[in-house]
Amino acid sequence: MPESFIHSDAKIDLYWSLLQDDDEVYAEVEKGIGRTRTDVLTEVDGNLVAIEIQSTRIPLKSILRRMSEHTEIGAHTLWLVTPEALLYDAKVRNLNWVRFIQQLQGGMIFLPSTVKPEQIIPARIDNTLLFQRDKIVVGKRKFLEKREPINLTALRFEKESYFGLNTATWNEWWIERDLELSTLV
C-alpha cells in the first residue's frame, strides 16, 4: 500500500531537518533493517534510533516485529504518531494500537512537530477517572494530553521490560499530576 502524503512529508521533513541541524549527524531515510524499512535511522547521543512515523492504524504484531528487528541491530525504536491517526471528524478513533505503542514507550507517545521537524511533541492518550473519597465519580473516554516540543536529545533510551525491546521515552509528567490530584481528594 502506498504511503500517504502526510506520512511521506513528515518522514522527509524530519530527515532533512536532522541533516541541517548538524553537519555530523548520521541519518538515513527508508533504511532496510531485517525484513522492514525504518522511516528514518539516526543517531542521538551515541544511541542508534529507528524512527517510525505512523499515520494509520498498524497491527500490534507489526509493531512488535519492527521493534524486534530494530533491537537486534542495537537500535531503539521511536514511534511518532501523526495527529491524523488519532482523530477523525473530531472524534477519537480506535486507539488500541496507539495505547500499545504508549505502553511500549514507557507511557508516552510522540507527535511530529510541524513547526520544527527536528523536534517532537510528547503526549499521552488517557482514560481519566475522577475520584471522590475513593469512589469513581466520572470517567472521560479518551483524551490527548500534549506538552511543548522537545529535541531528540531529551529522550531516554532504554529496554522495555515486558518484551525486552529497545525503546525511547521521556520523563513522566502525568504521574506528578496524578499524585497532585490524589492529595486534593
N, C-alpha and C. Protein backbone atom coordinates (compact mmCIF):
# COMPACT_ATOMS: atom_id res chain seq x y z
N MET A 1 0.85 -1.17 0.00
CA MET A 1 0.00 0.00 0.00
C MET A 1 0.89 1.24 0.00
N PRO A 2 0.64 2.18 -0.89
CA PRO A 2 1.47 3.39 -0.94
C PRO A 2 1.25 4.25 0.31
N GLU A 3 2.31 4.96 0.71
CA GLU A 3 2.17 5.79 1.91
C GLU A 3 1.47 7.09 1.58
N SER A 4 0.86 7.68 2.59
CA SER A 4 0.13 8.93 2.40
C SER A 4 1.09 10.10 2.29
N PHE A 5 0.58 11.22 1.79
CA PHE A 5 1.39 12.43 1.71
C PHE A 5 1.80 12.90 3.10
N ILE A 6 0.90 12.74 4.06
CA ILE A 6 1.19 13.14 5.44
C ILE A 6 2.40 12.37 5.95
N HIS A 7 2.39 11.07 5.75
CA HIS A 7 3.50 10.22 6.19
C HIS A 7 4.79 10.57 5.46
N SER A 8 4.71 10.68 4.16
CA SER A 8 5.89 10.97 3.34
C SER A 8 6.48 12.33 3.70
N ASP A 9 5.64 13.34 3.83
CA ASP A 9 6.13 14.69 4.19
C ASP A 9 6.78 14.70 5.57
N ALA A 10 6.16 14.04 6.54
CA ALA A 10 6.72 14.02 7.90
C ALA A 10 8.09 13.34 7.90
N LYS A 11 8.22 12.25 7.16
CA LYS A 11 9.47 11.49 7.10
C LYS A 11 10.58 12.33 6.45
N ILE A 12 10.28 12.92 5.31
CA ILE A 12 11.29 13.71 4.58
C ILE A 12 11.65 14.97 5.37
N ASP A 13 10.65 15.64 5.94
CA ASP A 13 10.93 16.84 6.75
C ASP A 13 11.84 16.51 7.93
N LEU A 14 11.57 15.41 8.62
CA LEU A 14 12.41 15.01 9.75
C LEU A 14 13.82 14.69 9.28
N TYR A 15 13.94 13.92 8.23
CA TYR A 15 15.25 13.54 7.69
C TYR A 15 16.09 14.77 7.36
N TRP A 16 15.53 15.69 6.58
CA TRP A 16 16.30 16.88 6.18
C TRP A 16 16.59 17.80 7.36
N SER A 17 15.68 17.91 8.30
CA SER A 17 15.95 18.78 9.45
C SER A 17 17.06 18.19 10.32
N LEU A 18 17.14 16.87 10.42
CA LEU A 18 18.25 16.25 11.17
C LEU A 18 19.58 16.53 10.50
N LEU A 19 19.62 16.45 9.18
CA LEU A 19 20.87 16.71 8.46
C LEU A 19 21.28 18.18 8.54
N GLN A 20 20.31 19.08 8.50
CA GLN A 20 20.61 20.51 8.56
C GLN A 20 20.96 20.97 9.97
N ASP A 21 20.46 20.25 10.97
CA ASP A 21 20.68 20.62 12.36
C ASP A 21 22.15 20.51 12.74
N ASP A 22 22.86 19.55 12.15
CA ASP A 22 24.26 19.32 12.50
C ASP A 22 24.91 18.59 11.33
N ASP A 23 26.03 19.14 10.87
CA ASP A 23 26.73 18.55 9.72
C ASP A 23 27.21 17.13 9.97
N GLU A 24 27.43 16.78 11.22
CA GLU A 24 27.99 15.46 11.53
C GLU A 24 26.93 14.45 11.96
N VAL A 25 25.66 14.80 11.83
CA VAL A 25 24.59 13.88 12.21
C VAL A 25 24.45 12.79 11.15
N TYR A 26 24.31 11.56 11.63
CA TYR A 26 24.05 10.43 10.75
C TYR A 26 22.54 10.26 10.64
N ALA A 27 22.04 10.20 9.42
CA ALA A 27 20.62 9.94 9.20
C ALA A 27 20.44 9.30 7.83
N GLU A 28 19.60 8.28 7.79
CA GLU A 28 19.23 7.64 6.53
C GLU A 28 17.72 7.52 6.49
N VAL A 29 17.17 7.69 5.31
CA VAL A 29 15.72 7.54 5.13
C VAL A 29 15.46 6.20 4.45
N GLU A 30 14.36 5.54 4.86
CA GLU A 30 13.98 4.24 4.29
C GLU A 30 15.11 3.21 4.39
N LYS A 31 15.74 3.14 5.54
CA LYS A 31 16.85 2.21 5.77
C LYS A 31 16.30 0.81 6.02
N GLY A 32 16.77 -0.16 5.26
CA GLY A 32 16.37 -1.54 5.44
C GLY A 32 17.00 -2.15 6.68
N ILE A 33 16.15 -2.70 7.53
CA ILE A 33 16.61 -3.41 8.74
C ILE A 33 15.86 -4.73 8.77
N GLY A 34 16.57 -5.81 8.58
CA GLY A 34 15.90 -7.11 8.53
C GLY A 34 14.91 -7.12 7.37
N ARG A 35 13.67 -7.48 7.68
CA ARG A 35 12.63 -7.51 6.65
C ARG A 35 11.82 -6.22 6.60
N THR A 36 12.24 -5.21 7.35
CA THR A 36 11.49 -3.96 7.37
C THR A 36 12.35 -2.81 6.88
N ARG A 37 11.70 -1.70 6.60
CA ARG A 37 12.39 -0.46 6.28
C ARG A 37 11.94 0.57 7.31
N THR A 38 12.89 1.11 8.04
CA THR A 38 12.52 2.14 9.00
C THR A 38 12.44 3.48 8.28
N ASP A 39 11.54 4.34 8.73
CA ASP A 39 11.36 5.63 8.05
C ASP A 39 12.64 6.46 8.10
N VAL A 40 13.21 6.62 9.30
CA VAL A 40 14.46 7.36 9.45
C VAL A 40 15.31 6.63 10.48
N LEU A 41 16.56 6.39 10.13
CA LEU A 41 17.52 5.83 11.07
C LEU A 41 18.55 6.91 11.36
N THR A 42 18.76 7.20 12.63
CA THR A 42 19.69 8.26 13.01
C THR A 42 20.41 7.88 14.29
N GLU A 43 21.28 8.74 14.73
CA GLU A 43 21.98 8.53 15.98
C GLU A 43 21.75 9.75 16.87
N VAL A 44 21.41 9.48 18.13
CA VAL A 44 21.15 10.54 19.10
C VAL A 44 21.98 10.24 20.34
N ASP A 45 22.92 11.10 20.65
CA ASP A 45 23.79 10.94 21.82
C ASP A 45 24.39 9.53 21.91
N GLY A 46 24.87 9.03 20.78
CA GLY A 46 25.51 7.73 20.76
C GLY A 46 24.56 6.55 20.69
N ASN A 47 23.26 6.79 20.63
CA ASN A 47 22.26 5.73 20.52
C ASN A 47 21.71 5.68 19.11
N LEU A 48 21.70 4.50 18.51
CA LEU A 48 21.10 4.31 17.21
C LEU A 48 19.58 4.30 17.39
N VAL A 49 18.87 5.13 16.61
CA VAL A 49 17.43 5.30 16.78
C VAL A 49 16.71 5.07 15.45
N ALA A 50 15.80 4.12 15.45
CA ALA A 50 14.93 3.86 14.30
C ALA A 50 13.62 4.59 14.53
N ILE A 51 13.35 5.59 13.72
CA ILE A 51 12.14 6.40 13.88
C ILE A 51 11.08 5.90 12.91
N GLU A 52 9.93 5.52 13.47
CA GLU A 52 8.79 5.05 12.69
C GLU A 52 7.68 6.09 12.80
N ILE A 53 7.23 6.61 11.66
CA ILE A 53 6.15 7.59 11.64
C ILE A 53 4.89 6.86 11.23
N GLN A 54 3.87 6.92 12.07
CA GLN A 54 2.64 6.17 11.84
C GLN A 54 1.47 7.12 11.68
N SER A 55 0.86 7.11 10.51
CA SER A 55 -0.31 7.97 10.29
C SER A 55 -1.59 7.16 10.07
N THR A 56 -1.46 5.83 10.13
CA THR A 56 -2.62 4.95 10.02
C THR A 56 -2.48 3.83 11.05
N ARG A 57 -3.57 3.13 11.25
CA ARG A 57 -3.59 2.01 12.18
C ARG A 57 -2.59 0.95 11.74
N ILE A 58 -1.96 0.28 12.70
CA ILE A 58 -0.98 -0.75 12.41
C ILE A 58 -1.23 -1.94 13.34
N PRO A 59 -1.14 -3.17 12.83
CA PRO A 59 -1.35 -4.34 13.69
C PRO A 59 -0.28 -4.42 14.79
N LEU A 60 -0.69 -4.88 15.96
CA LEU A 60 0.24 -4.99 17.09
C LEU A 60 1.41 -5.92 16.76
N LYS A 61 1.15 -6.98 16.01
CA LYS A 61 2.23 -7.88 15.60
C LYS A 61 3.29 -7.16 14.78
N SER A 62 2.87 -6.24 13.92
CA SER A 62 3.82 -5.47 13.10
C SER A 62 4.66 -4.55 13.96
N ILE A 63 4.04 -3.95 14.97
CA ILE A 63 4.78 -3.08 15.90
C ILE A 63 5.88 -3.89 16.57
N LEU A 64 5.51 -5.04 17.10
CA LEU A 64 6.50 -5.89 17.81
C LEU A 64 7.58 -6.40 16.87
N ARG A 65 7.20 -6.80 15.65
CA ARG A 65 8.19 -7.31 14.69
C ARG A 65 9.20 -6.23 14.33
N ARG A 66 8.73 -5.03 14.04
CA ARG A 66 9.64 -3.94 13.70
C ARG A 66 10.58 -3.61 14.86
N MET A 67 10.00 -3.52 16.05
CA MET A 67 10.83 -3.19 17.21
C MET A 67 11.85 -4.30 17.49
N SER A 68 11.45 -5.53 17.29
CA SER A 68 12.36 -6.65 17.50
C SER A 68 13.54 -6.59 16.52
N GLU A 69 13.25 -6.28 15.26
CA GLU A 69 14.32 -6.17 14.27
C GLU A 69 15.23 -4.97 14.58
N HIS A 70 14.67 -3.89 15.04
CA HIS A 70 15.49 -2.73 15.42
C HIS A 70 16.39 -3.10 16.61
N THR A 71 15.81 -3.78 17.60
CA THR A 71 16.56 -4.18 18.79
C THR A 71 17.71 -5.12 18.42
N GLU A 72 17.49 -6.01 17.46
CA GLU A 72 18.55 -6.95 17.04
C GLU A 72 19.80 -6.24 16.54
N ILE A 73 19.65 -5.07 15.92
CA ILE A 73 20.84 -4.35 15.45
C ILE A 73 21.30 -3.29 16.46
N GLY A 74 20.66 -3.29 17.64
CA GLY A 74 21.05 -2.35 18.69
C GLY A 74 20.38 -1.00 18.63
N ALA A 75 19.37 -0.85 17.76
CA ALA A 75 18.66 0.43 17.64
C ALA A 75 17.49 0.49 18.61
N HIS A 76 17.17 1.70 19.04
CA HIS A 76 15.99 1.97 19.86
C HIS A 76 14.90 2.49 18.93
N THR A 77 13.68 2.03 19.13
CA THR A 77 12.57 2.46 18.28
C THR A 77 11.86 3.65 18.89
N LEU A 78 11.65 4.67 18.07
CA LEU A 78 10.87 5.84 18.45
C LEU A 78 9.69 5.92 17.50
N TRP A 79 8.48 5.74 18.05
CA TRP A 79 7.27 5.84 17.24
C TRP A 79 6.74 7.26 17.30
N LEU A 80 6.51 7.87 16.13
CA LEU A 80 5.85 9.16 16.03
C LEU A 80 4.47 8.91 15.43
N VAL A 81 3.44 9.34 16.12
CA VAL A 81 2.06 9.14 15.68
C VAL A 81 1.53 10.49 15.21
N THR A 82 1.08 10.56 13.97
CA THR A 82 0.57 11.83 13.45
C THR A 82 -0.81 12.12 14.04
N PRO A 83 -1.15 13.38 14.21
CA PRO A 83 -2.48 13.73 14.73
C PRO A 83 -3.62 13.15 13.89
N GLU A 84 -3.41 13.02 12.59
CA GLU A 84 -4.44 12.46 11.70
C GLU A 84 -4.76 11.02 12.06
N ALA A 85 -3.82 10.31 12.63
CA ALA A 85 -4.05 8.93 13.02
C ALA A 85 -4.92 8.84 14.28
N LEU A 86 -4.99 9.93 15.03
CA LEU A 86 -5.71 9.92 16.30
C LEU A 86 -7.17 10.33 16.18
N LEU A 87 -7.46 11.27 15.28
CA LEU A 87 -8.81 11.83 15.21
C LEU A 87 -9.42 11.66 13.83
N TYR A 88 -10.72 11.54 13.80
CA TYR A 88 -11.47 11.51 12.55
C TYR A 88 -12.74 12.31 12.79
N ASP A 89 -12.91 13.41 12.07
CA ASP A 89 -14.06 14.29 12.26
C ASP A 89 -14.24 14.66 13.74
N ALA A 90 -13.15 15.03 14.39
CA ALA A 90 -13.14 15.47 15.79
C ALA A 90 -13.55 14.37 16.77
N LYS A 91 -13.59 13.13 16.33
CA LYS A 91 -13.89 12.01 17.22
C LYS A 91 -12.64 11.14 17.33
N VAL A 92 -12.42 10.62 18.50
CA VAL A 92 -11.26 9.77 18.73
C VAL A 92 -11.48 8.43 18.04
N ARG A 93 -10.49 8.00 17.29
CA ARG A 93 -10.55 6.71 16.59
C ARG A 93 -10.30 5.56 17.57
N ASN A 94 -10.38 4.33 17.07
CA ASN A 94 -9.97 3.17 17.85
C ASN A 94 -8.45 3.27 18.03
N LEU A 95 -8.04 3.42 19.24
CA LEU A 95 -6.62 3.71 19.51
C LEU A 95 -5.91 2.59 20.25
N ASN A 96 -6.38 1.36 20.13
CA ASN A 96 -5.68 0.27 20.82
C ASN A 96 -4.22 0.18 20.41
N TRP A 97 -3.93 0.36 19.13
CA TRP A 97 -2.55 0.30 18.66
C TRP A 97 -1.72 1.46 19.22
N VAL A 98 -2.34 2.63 19.36
CA VAL A 98 -1.62 3.79 19.92
C VAL A 98 -1.35 3.56 21.40
N ARG A 99 -2.33 3.04 22.10
CA ARG A 99 -2.15 2.75 23.52
C ARG A 99 -1.06 1.68 23.72
N PHE A 100 -0.95 0.74 22.78
CA PHE A 100 0.10 -0.28 22.83
C PHE A 100 1.47 0.37 22.65
N ILE A 101 1.60 1.26 21.67
CA ILE A 101 2.85 1.99 21.48
C ILE A 101 3.17 2.80 22.74
N GLN A 102 2.15 3.45 23.30
CA GLN A 102 2.35 4.24 24.52
C GLN A 102 2.89 3.37 25.65
N GLN A 103 2.36 2.19 25.78
CA GLN A 103 2.83 1.27 26.82
C GLN A 103 4.29 0.87 26.56
N LEU A 104 4.62 0.57 25.31
CA LEU A 104 5.98 0.17 24.97
C LEU A 104 6.98 1.31 25.17
N GLN A 105 6.52 2.55 25.02
CA GLN A 105 7.40 3.71 25.16
C GLN A 105 7.30 4.32 26.55
N GLY A 106 7.11 3.50 27.55
CA GLY A 106 7.11 3.97 28.93
C GLY A 106 5.99 4.93 29.25
N GLY A 107 4.84 4.77 28.61
CA GLY A 107 3.69 5.63 28.89
C GLY A 107 3.61 6.85 28.00
N MET A 108 4.42 6.91 26.96
CA MET A 108 4.48 8.10 26.10
C MET A 108 4.13 7.76 24.66
N ILE A 109 3.51 8.72 23.99
CA ILE A 109 3.52 8.73 22.53
C ILE A 109 4.16 10.06 22.15
N PHE A 110 4.60 10.13 20.93
CA PHE A 110 5.22 11.36 20.44
C PHE A 110 4.58 11.72 19.11
N LEU A 111 4.35 13.01 18.92
CA LEU A 111 3.79 13.54 17.69
C LEU A 111 4.88 14.29 16.95
N PRO A 112 4.87 14.25 15.62
CA PRO A 112 5.84 15.07 14.89
C PRO A 112 5.50 16.55 15.07
N SER A 113 6.50 17.38 15.13
CA SER A 113 6.28 18.82 15.22
C SER A 113 6.18 19.38 13.81
N THR A 114 5.16 20.19 13.57
CA THR A 114 5.02 20.81 12.25
C THR A 114 5.81 22.10 12.16
N VAL A 115 6.19 22.67 13.30
CA VAL A 115 6.94 23.91 13.31
C VAL A 115 8.43 23.65 13.11
N LYS A 116 8.98 22.74 13.92
CA LYS A 116 10.38 22.37 13.82
C LYS A 116 10.44 20.85 13.67
N PRO A 117 10.63 20.35 12.46
CA PRO A 117 10.60 18.89 12.25
C PRO A 117 11.63 18.11 13.05
N GLU A 118 12.70 18.75 13.49
CA GLU A 118 13.70 18.04 14.29
C GLU A 118 13.26 17.87 15.75
N GLN A 119 12.12 18.45 16.09
CA GLN A 119 11.57 18.30 17.43
C GLN A 119 10.36 17.39 17.39
N ILE A 120 10.01 16.86 18.56
CA ILE A 120 8.83 16.00 18.69
C ILE A 120 8.00 16.50 19.87
N ILE A 121 6.73 16.15 19.89
CA ILE A 121 5.83 16.60 20.94
C ILE A 121 5.45 15.41 21.82
N PRO A 122 5.88 15.41 23.09
CA PRO A 122 5.46 14.34 24.00
C PRO A 122 3.96 14.44 24.26
N ALA A 123 3.31 13.30 24.29
CA ALA A 123 1.86 13.28 24.51
C ALA A 123 1.47 11.99 25.20
N ARG A 124 0.22 11.95 25.61
CA ARG A 124 -0.32 10.77 26.27
C ARG A 124 -1.80 10.66 25.97
N ILE A 125 -2.23 9.50 25.54
CA ILE A 125 -3.65 9.20 25.37
C ILE A 125 -4.09 8.60 26.70
N ASP A 126 -5.18 9.07 27.23
CA ASP A 126 -5.56 8.62 28.56
C ASP A 126 -7.05 8.40 28.69
N ASN A 127 -7.39 7.45 29.51
CA ASN A 127 -8.76 7.30 30.02
C ASN A 127 -8.67 7.82 31.45
N THR A 128 -9.27 8.95 31.74
CA THR A 128 -9.13 9.51 33.06
C THR A 128 -10.32 9.16 33.93
N LEU A 129 -10.04 8.98 35.17
CA LEU A 129 -11.09 8.72 36.15
C LEU A 129 -11.00 9.79 37.22
N LEU A 130 -12.11 10.35 37.60
CA LEU A 130 -12.12 11.33 38.66
C LEU A 130 -12.69 10.67 39.91
N PHE A 131 -12.00 10.84 41.02
CA PHE A 131 -12.36 10.19 42.26
C PHE A 131 -12.91 11.20 43.26
N GLN A 132 -13.81 10.72 44.10
CA GLN A 132 -14.27 11.50 45.25
C GLN A 132 -14.39 10.52 46.41
N ARG A 133 -13.52 10.68 47.40
CA ARG A 133 -13.49 9.80 48.56
C ARG A 133 -13.43 8.32 48.16
N ASP A 134 -12.45 7.98 47.38
CA ASP A 134 -12.19 6.61 46.93
C ASP A 134 -13.27 6.00 46.05
N LYS A 135 -14.17 6.81 45.52
CA LYS A 135 -15.17 6.31 44.59
C LYS A 135 -15.01 7.03 43.26
N ILE A 136 -15.15 6.27 42.18
CA ILE A 136 -15.08 6.87 40.85
C ILE A 136 -16.38 7.61 40.61
N VAL A 137 -16.29 8.91 40.30
CA VAL A 137 -17.50 9.69 40.05
C VAL A 137 -17.73 9.91 38.56
N VAL A 138 -16.69 9.93 37.75
CA VAL A 138 -16.86 10.12 36.32
C VAL A 138 -15.60 9.64 35.61
N GLY A 139 -15.77 9.18 34.41
CA GLY A 139 -14.62 8.78 33.59
C GLY A 139 -14.73 9.40 32.22
N LYS A 140 -13.69 10.07 31.77
CA LYS A 140 -13.67 10.61 30.42
C LYS A 140 -13.23 9.49 29.50
N ARG A 141 -13.79 9.45 28.32
CA ARG A 141 -13.47 8.35 27.42
C ARG A 141 -11.99 8.31 27.07
N LYS A 142 -11.51 9.21 26.27
CA LYS A 142 -10.10 9.28 25.91
C LYS A 142 -9.78 10.72 25.61
N PHE A 143 -8.58 11.13 25.94
CA PHE A 143 -8.16 12.46 25.54
C PHE A 143 -6.66 12.44 25.31
N LEU A 144 -6.22 13.45 24.60
CA LEU A 144 -4.81 13.61 24.28
C LEU A 144 -4.25 14.76 25.09
N GLU A 145 -3.25 14.46 25.87
CA GLU A 145 -2.58 15.50 26.64
C GLU A 145 -1.20 15.71 26.03
N LYS A 146 -0.92 16.94 25.58
CA LYS A 146 0.33 17.24 24.90
C LYS A 146 1.18 18.19 25.73
N ARG A 147 2.48 18.12 25.48
CA ARG A 147 3.45 19.04 26.09
C ARG A 147 4.12 19.85 24.99
N GLU A 148 5.00 20.74 25.40
CA GLU A 148 5.76 21.55 24.45
C GLU A 148 6.75 20.65 23.70
N PRO A 149 7.10 21.02 22.46
CA PRO A 149 8.06 20.22 21.69
C PRO A 149 9.41 20.10 22.40
N ILE A 150 10.05 18.95 22.19
CA ILE A 150 11.37 18.69 22.76
C ILE A 150 12.30 18.24 21.64
N ASN A 151 13.60 18.35 21.89
CA ASN A 151 14.59 17.84 20.96
C ASN A 151 14.78 16.35 21.20
N LEU A 152 15.27 15.65 20.20
CA LEU A 152 15.51 14.22 20.34
C LEU A 152 16.53 13.92 21.43
N THR A 153 17.42 14.87 21.72
CA THR A 153 18.42 14.67 22.77
C THR A 153 17.81 14.63 24.17
N ALA A 154 16.55 15.04 24.31
CA ALA A 154 15.88 14.99 25.62
C ALA A 154 15.32 13.61 25.92
N LEU A 155 15.35 12.72 24.93
CA LEU A 155 14.80 11.38 25.12
C LEU A 155 15.69 10.51 26.00
N ARG A 156 15.06 9.51 26.61
CA ARG A 156 15.80 8.45 27.32
C ARG A 156 15.71 7.20 26.47
N PHE A 157 16.80 6.48 26.38
CA PHE A 157 16.83 5.25 25.59
C PHE A 157 17.03 4.09 26.55
N GLU A 158 16.07 3.17 26.52
CA GLU A 158 16.10 2.08 27.49
C GLU A 158 15.48 0.83 26.90
N LYS A 159 15.55 -0.25 27.65
CA LYS A 159 14.96 -1.52 27.24
C LYS A 159 13.60 -1.64 27.92
N GLU A 160 12.56 -1.84 27.11
CA GLU A 160 11.21 -2.04 27.62
C GLU A 160 11.19 -3.37 28.34
N SER A 161 10.59 -3.42 29.53
CA SER A 161 10.75 -4.58 30.41
C SER A 161 9.97 -5.83 30.01
N TYR A 162 8.77 -5.72 29.49
CA TYR A 162 7.95 -6.90 29.24
C TYR A 162 8.43 -7.70 28.02
N PHE A 163 8.64 -7.02 26.90
CA PHE A 163 9.07 -7.69 25.67
C PHE A 163 10.58 -7.66 25.48
N GLY A 164 11.29 -6.85 26.27
CA GLY A 164 12.74 -6.75 26.14
C GLY A 164 13.18 -6.01 24.89
N LEU A 165 12.39 -5.04 24.45
CA LEU A 165 12.69 -4.29 23.23
C LEU A 165 13.30 -2.94 23.56
N ASN A 166 14.22 -2.49 22.71
CA ASN A 166 14.81 -1.16 22.88
C ASN A 166 13.80 -0.11 22.46
N THR A 167 13.63 0.90 23.31
CA THR A 167 12.63 1.92 23.04
C THR A 167 13.13 3.29 23.49
N ALA A 168 12.37 4.31 23.15
CA ALA A 168 12.67 5.68 23.55
C ALA A 168 11.50 6.20 24.37
N THR A 169 11.81 6.99 25.38
CA THR A 169 10.76 7.58 26.21
C THR A 169 11.24 8.94 26.72
N TRP A 170 10.42 9.53 27.56
CA TRP A 170 10.74 10.85 28.12
C TRP A 170 10.26 10.86 29.56
N ASN A 171 10.44 11.97 30.27
CA ASN A 171 10.04 11.99 31.68
C ASN A 171 8.53 11.80 31.84
N GLU A 172 8.11 11.42 33.01
CA GLU A 172 6.73 11.01 33.24
C GLU A 172 5.94 12.10 33.97
N TRP A 173 5.59 13.17 33.26
CA TRP A 173 4.94 14.31 33.90
C TRP A 173 3.57 13.97 34.46
N TRP A 174 2.84 13.05 33.83
CA TRP A 174 1.46 12.78 34.27
C TRP A 174 1.42 12.12 35.64
N ILE A 175 2.46 11.41 36.02
CA ILE A 175 2.48 10.79 37.35
C ILE A 175 2.47 11.88 38.41
N GLU A 176 3.28 12.92 38.20
CA GLU A 176 3.29 14.03 39.14
C GLU A 176 1.92 14.68 39.21
N ARG A 177 1.27 14.87 38.05
CA ARG A 177 -0.06 15.48 38.02
C ARG A 177 -1.06 14.62 38.78
N ASP A 178 -1.03 13.30 38.54
CA ASP A 178 -1.96 12.40 39.22
C ASP A 178 -1.72 12.38 40.72
N LEU A 179 -0.47 12.43 41.14
CA LEU A 179 -0.16 12.46 42.56
C LEU A 179 -0.69 13.75 43.20
N GLU A 180 -0.55 14.87 42.49
CA GLU A 180 -1.07 16.14 42.99
C GLU A 180 -2.59 16.07 43.13
N LEU A 181 -3.27 15.49 42.15
CA LEU A 181 -4.73 15.38 42.22
C LEU A 181 -5.18 14.49 43.36
N SER A 182 -4.44 13.42 43.61
CA SER A 182 -4.85 12.48 44.67
C SER A 182 -4.72 13.12 46.06
N THR A 183 -3.83 14.08 46.21
CA THR A 183 -3.70 14.75 47.51
C THR A 183 -4.82 15.76 47.75
N LEU A 184 -5.52 16.15 46.68
CA LEU A 184 -6.61 17.12 46.81
C LEU A 184 -7.90 16.47 47.31
N VAL A 185 -8.02 15.18 47.11
CA VAL A 185 -9.26 14.48 47.46
C VAL A 185 -9.25 14.04 48.90
